[in-house]
Amino acid sequence: MSANDETDCWTCRHRYNIPNNAHIGCSSPNPDMQGKAYGKANGWFEYPFCFDPVWKLTTCPHHEVGDPDYELRDLTGVWK
């Protein structure tokens, strides 16, 4: 995984912001995503609900460059 893979989530159209949090969430998660143990242990990588992409170990095949379209996305089930 390259250094760009650690930050590619920030440019992805599937990311969503979490109010009052510096981390992001993913609306198209990769079931095979792995995170670094240190990030998981400290609560910085709770993929896909609340995570900092710098702790990723896996390249995501769902990555699509683009701005998130929050108005068209229904995220009501994400926190259930």
N, C-alpha and C. Protein backbone atom coordinates (compact mmCIF):
# COMPACT_ATOMS: atom_id res chain seq x y z
N MET A 1 0.84 -1.17 0.00
CA MET A 1 0.00 0.00 0.00
C MET A 1 0.89 1.24 0.00
N SER A 2 0.58 2.19 -0.85
CA SER A 2 1.39 3.40 -0.95
C SER A 2 0.89 4.48 0.02
N ALA A 3 1.65 5.54 0.14
CA ALA A 3 1.26 6.64 1.02
C ALA A 3 -0.06 7.26 0.56
N ASN A 4 -0.31 7.29 -0.75
CA ASN A 4 -1.57 7.83 -1.25
C ASN A 4 -2.76 6.99 -0.82
N ASP A 5 -2.59 5.70 -0.66
CA ASP A 5 -3.67 4.83 -0.22
C ASP A 5 -4.13 5.17 1.19
N GLU A 6 -3.22 5.73 1.99
CA GLU A 6 -3.57 6.10 3.36
C GLU A 6 -4.50 7.30 3.41
N THR A 7 -4.51 8.10 2.36
CA THR A 7 -5.33 9.31 2.37
C THR A 7 -6.40 9.31 1.28
N ASP A 8 -6.50 8.26 0.49
CA ASP A 8 -7.44 8.29 -0.63
C ASP A 8 -8.90 8.41 -0.19
N CYS A 9 -9.24 8.02 1.02
CA CYS A 9 -10.61 8.15 1.50
C CYS A 9 -11.06 9.60 1.55
N TRP A 10 -10.14 10.51 1.77
CA TRP A 10 -10.50 11.92 1.87
C TRP A 10 -10.96 12.47 0.53
N THR A 11 -10.62 11.85 -0.57
CA THR A 11 -11.05 12.30 -1.89
C THR A 11 -12.16 11.45 -2.47
N CYS A 12 -12.67 10.50 -1.70
CA CYS A 12 -13.65 9.54 -2.21
C CYS A 12 -15.08 10.05 -2.07
N ARG A 13 -15.89 9.76 -3.06
CA ARG A 13 -17.29 10.19 -3.03
C ARG A 13 -18.12 9.38 -2.04
N HIS A 14 -17.60 8.27 -1.53
CA HIS A 14 -18.34 7.43 -0.58
C HIS A 14 -18.12 7.83 0.88
N ARG A 15 -17.26 8.79 1.12
CA ARG A 15 -17.01 9.19 2.51
C ARG A 15 -18.12 10.11 2.99
N TYR A 16 -18.31 10.12 4.30
CA TYR A 16 -19.22 11.10 4.89
C TYR A 16 -18.59 11.64 6.17
N ASN A 17 -18.89 12.87 6.45
CA ASN A 17 -18.37 13.53 7.64
C ASN A 17 -19.21 13.13 8.85
N ILE A 18 -18.58 13.12 9.99
CA ILE A 18 -19.25 12.81 11.25
C ILE A 18 -19.28 14.10 12.06
N PRO A 19 -20.46 14.58 12.43
CA PRO A 19 -20.53 15.83 13.18
C PRO A 19 -19.70 15.79 14.46
N ASN A 20 -18.99 16.88 14.72
CA ASN A 20 -18.16 17.03 15.92
C ASN A 20 -17.05 15.99 16.03
N ASN A 21 -16.55 15.50 14.90
CA ASN A 21 -15.52 14.48 14.90
C ASN A 21 -14.59 14.73 13.72
N ALA A 22 -13.29 14.53 13.91
CA ALA A 22 -12.32 14.71 12.83
C ALA A 22 -12.26 13.50 11.91
N HIS A 23 -12.83 12.37 12.32
CA HIS A 23 -12.81 11.16 11.51
C HIS A 23 -13.95 11.17 10.51
N ILE A 24 -13.92 10.20 9.60
CA ILE A 24 -14.95 10.08 8.57
C ILE A 24 -15.57 8.69 8.62
N GLY A 25 -16.61 8.52 7.84
CA GLY A 25 -17.26 7.22 7.69
C GLY A 25 -17.31 6.86 6.21
N CYS A 26 -17.64 5.62 5.91
CA CYS A 26 -17.70 5.14 4.54
C CYS A 26 -19.07 4.55 4.26
N SER A 27 -19.70 5.01 3.16
CA SER A 27 -21.02 4.50 2.80
C SER A 27 -20.94 3.33 1.82
N SER A 28 -19.75 2.95 1.41
CA SER A 28 -19.55 1.80 0.52
C SER A 28 -18.35 0.99 1.04
N PRO A 29 -18.50 0.37 2.22
CA PRO A 29 -17.35 -0.26 2.86
C PRO A 29 -16.85 -1.52 2.15
N ASN A 30 -15.56 -1.73 2.31
CA ASN A 30 -14.89 -2.92 1.80
C ASN A 30 -14.85 -3.95 2.94
N PRO A 31 -15.51 -5.10 2.79
CA PRO A 31 -15.53 -6.08 3.88
C PRO A 31 -14.15 -6.65 4.24
N ASP A 32 -13.19 -6.51 3.34
CA ASP A 32 -11.85 -7.03 3.59
C ASP A 32 -10.89 -5.98 4.14
N MET A 33 -11.40 -4.80 4.49
CA MET A 33 -10.53 -3.72 4.97
C MET A 33 -9.87 -4.11 6.29
N GLN A 34 -8.59 -3.83 6.38
CA GLN A 34 -7.80 -4.10 7.58
C GLN A 34 -7.22 -2.80 8.09
N GLY A 35 -7.07 -2.71 9.40
CA GLY A 35 -6.49 -1.52 10.01
C GLY A 35 -5.32 -1.88 10.91
N LYS A 36 -4.46 -0.91 11.14
CA LYS A 36 -3.30 -1.13 12.02
C LYS A 36 -3.79 -1.31 13.45
N ALA A 37 -3.18 -2.23 14.17
CA ALA A 37 -3.60 -2.58 15.52
C ALA A 37 -3.56 -1.37 16.46
N TYR A 38 -2.56 -0.53 16.34
CA TYR A 38 -2.43 0.63 17.22
C TYR A 38 -3.62 1.59 17.04
N GLY A 39 -4.00 1.81 15.80
CA GLY A 39 -5.14 2.67 15.51
C GLY A 39 -6.45 2.09 16.02
N LYS A 40 -6.61 0.79 15.89
CA LYS A 40 -7.81 0.12 16.40
C LYS A 40 -7.87 0.20 17.93
N ALA A 41 -6.76 -0.07 18.58
CA ALA A 41 -6.72 -0.09 20.04
C ALA A 41 -7.04 1.29 20.65
N ASN A 42 -6.73 2.34 19.92
CA ASN A 42 -6.97 3.69 20.43
C ASN A 42 -8.27 4.30 19.92
N GLY A 43 -9.07 3.51 19.19
CA GLY A 43 -10.36 3.99 18.72
C GLY A 43 -10.29 4.90 17.51
N TRP A 44 -9.18 4.88 16.79
CA TRP A 44 -9.01 5.74 15.63
C TRP A 44 -9.35 5.02 14.33
N PHE A 45 -9.66 3.74 14.41
CA PHE A 45 -10.00 2.98 13.21
C PHE A 45 -11.16 2.04 13.53
N GLU A 46 -12.37 2.60 13.53
CA GLU A 46 -13.58 1.81 13.71
C GLU A 46 -14.31 1.79 12.37
N TYR A 47 -13.66 1.18 11.41
CA TYR A 47 -14.15 1.12 10.04
C TYR A 47 -15.41 0.28 9.95
N PRO A 48 -16.39 0.71 9.20
CA PRO A 48 -16.51 1.87 8.32
C PRO A 48 -17.22 3.06 8.97
N PHE A 49 -17.54 2.97 10.26
CA PHE A 49 -18.39 3.98 10.89
C PHE A 49 -17.66 5.24 11.32
N CYS A 50 -16.45 5.11 11.82
CA CYS A 50 -15.72 6.26 12.34
C CYS A 50 -14.22 5.91 12.31
N PHE A 51 -13.50 6.47 11.35
CA PHE A 51 -12.09 6.08 11.22
C PHE A 51 -11.25 7.19 10.60
N ASP A 52 -9.95 7.10 10.85
CA ASP A 52 -8.96 7.95 10.20
C ASP A 52 -8.25 7.06 9.19
N PRO A 53 -8.33 7.39 7.89
CA PRO A 53 -7.76 6.53 6.86
C PRO A 53 -6.26 6.29 6.97
N VAL A 54 -5.55 7.09 7.74
CA VAL A 54 -4.11 6.90 7.88
C VAL A 54 -3.80 5.54 8.52
N TRP A 55 -4.77 4.93 9.21
CA TRP A 55 -4.57 3.64 9.87
C TRP A 55 -4.93 2.45 9.00
N LYS A 56 -5.30 2.68 7.74
CA LYS A 56 -5.65 1.58 6.83
C LYS A 56 -4.43 0.74 6.46
N LEU A 57 -4.67 -0.54 6.27
CA LEU A 57 -3.63 -1.45 5.76
C LEU A 57 -3.99 -1.98 4.38
N THR A 58 -5.22 -1.77 3.96
CA THR A 58 -5.74 -2.36 2.74
C THR A 58 -6.15 -1.27 1.75
N THR A 59 -5.86 -1.48 0.47
CA THR A 59 -6.33 -0.58 -0.56
C THR A 59 -7.80 -0.89 -0.84
N CYS A 60 -8.62 0.13 -0.93
CA CYS A 60 -10.05 -0.07 -1.12
C CYS A 60 -10.41 -0.13 -2.61
N PRO A 61 -11.08 -1.19 -3.04
CA PRO A 61 -11.48 -1.28 -4.45
C PRO A 61 -12.69 -0.41 -4.78
N HIS A 62 -13.34 0.15 -3.78
CA HIS A 62 -14.55 0.96 -4.00
C HIS A 62 -14.23 2.45 -4.15
N HIS A 63 -12.97 2.82 -4.05
CA HIS A 63 -12.59 4.23 -4.09
C HIS A 63 -12.97 4.87 -5.43
N GLU A 64 -13.70 5.98 -5.35
CA GLU A 64 -14.06 6.78 -6.52
C GLU A 64 -13.79 8.23 -6.18
N VAL A 65 -12.94 8.87 -6.97
CA VAL A 65 -12.64 10.28 -6.72
C VAL A 65 -13.88 11.11 -7.03
N GLY A 66 -14.20 12.00 -6.12
CA GLY A 66 -15.34 12.90 -6.32
C GLY A 66 -15.82 13.45 -5.01
N ASP A 67 -16.59 14.51 -5.10
CA ASP A 67 -17.16 15.12 -3.91
C ASP A 67 -18.35 14.31 -3.44
N PRO A 68 -18.47 14.11 -2.14
CA PRO A 68 -19.64 13.43 -1.62
C PRO A 68 -20.90 14.23 -1.93
N ASP A 69 -21.96 13.52 -2.26
CA ASP A 69 -23.23 14.16 -2.55
C ASP A 69 -24.16 13.90 -1.37
N TYR A 70 -24.01 14.71 -0.33
CA TYR A 70 -24.73 14.49 0.91
C TYR A 70 -26.24 14.60 0.73
N GLU A 71 -26.70 15.47 -0.16
CA GLU A 71 -28.13 15.68 -0.32
C GLU A 71 -28.83 14.43 -0.87
N LEU A 72 -28.15 13.64 -1.66
CA LEU A 72 -28.77 12.47 -2.28
C LEU A 72 -28.53 11.18 -1.52
N ARG A 73 -27.80 11.24 -0.43
CA ARG A 73 -27.42 10.04 0.29
C ARG A 73 -28.24 9.88 1.56
N ASP A 74 -28.82 8.72 1.77
CA ASP A 74 -29.58 8.44 2.98
C ASP A 74 -28.68 7.66 3.92
N LEU A 75 -28.25 8.28 4.99
CA LEU A 75 -27.34 7.65 5.94
C LEU A 75 -28.05 7.30 7.25
N THR A 76 -29.38 7.24 7.24
CA THR A 76 -30.10 7.01 8.47
C THR A 76 -29.80 5.66 9.09
N GLY A 77 -29.46 4.67 8.31
CA GLY A 77 -29.19 3.34 8.85
C GLY A 77 -27.76 3.11 9.29
N VAL A 78 -26.89 4.07 9.08
CA VAL A 78 -25.47 3.88 9.38
C VAL A 78 -25.22 3.67 10.86
N TRP A 79 -25.93 4.37 11.73
CA TRP A 79 -25.66 4.30 13.16
C TRP A 79 -26.48 3.27 13.87
N LYS A 80 -27.27 2.47 13.18
CA LYS A 80 -28.09 1.42 13.81
C LYS A 80 -27.29 0.18 14.06
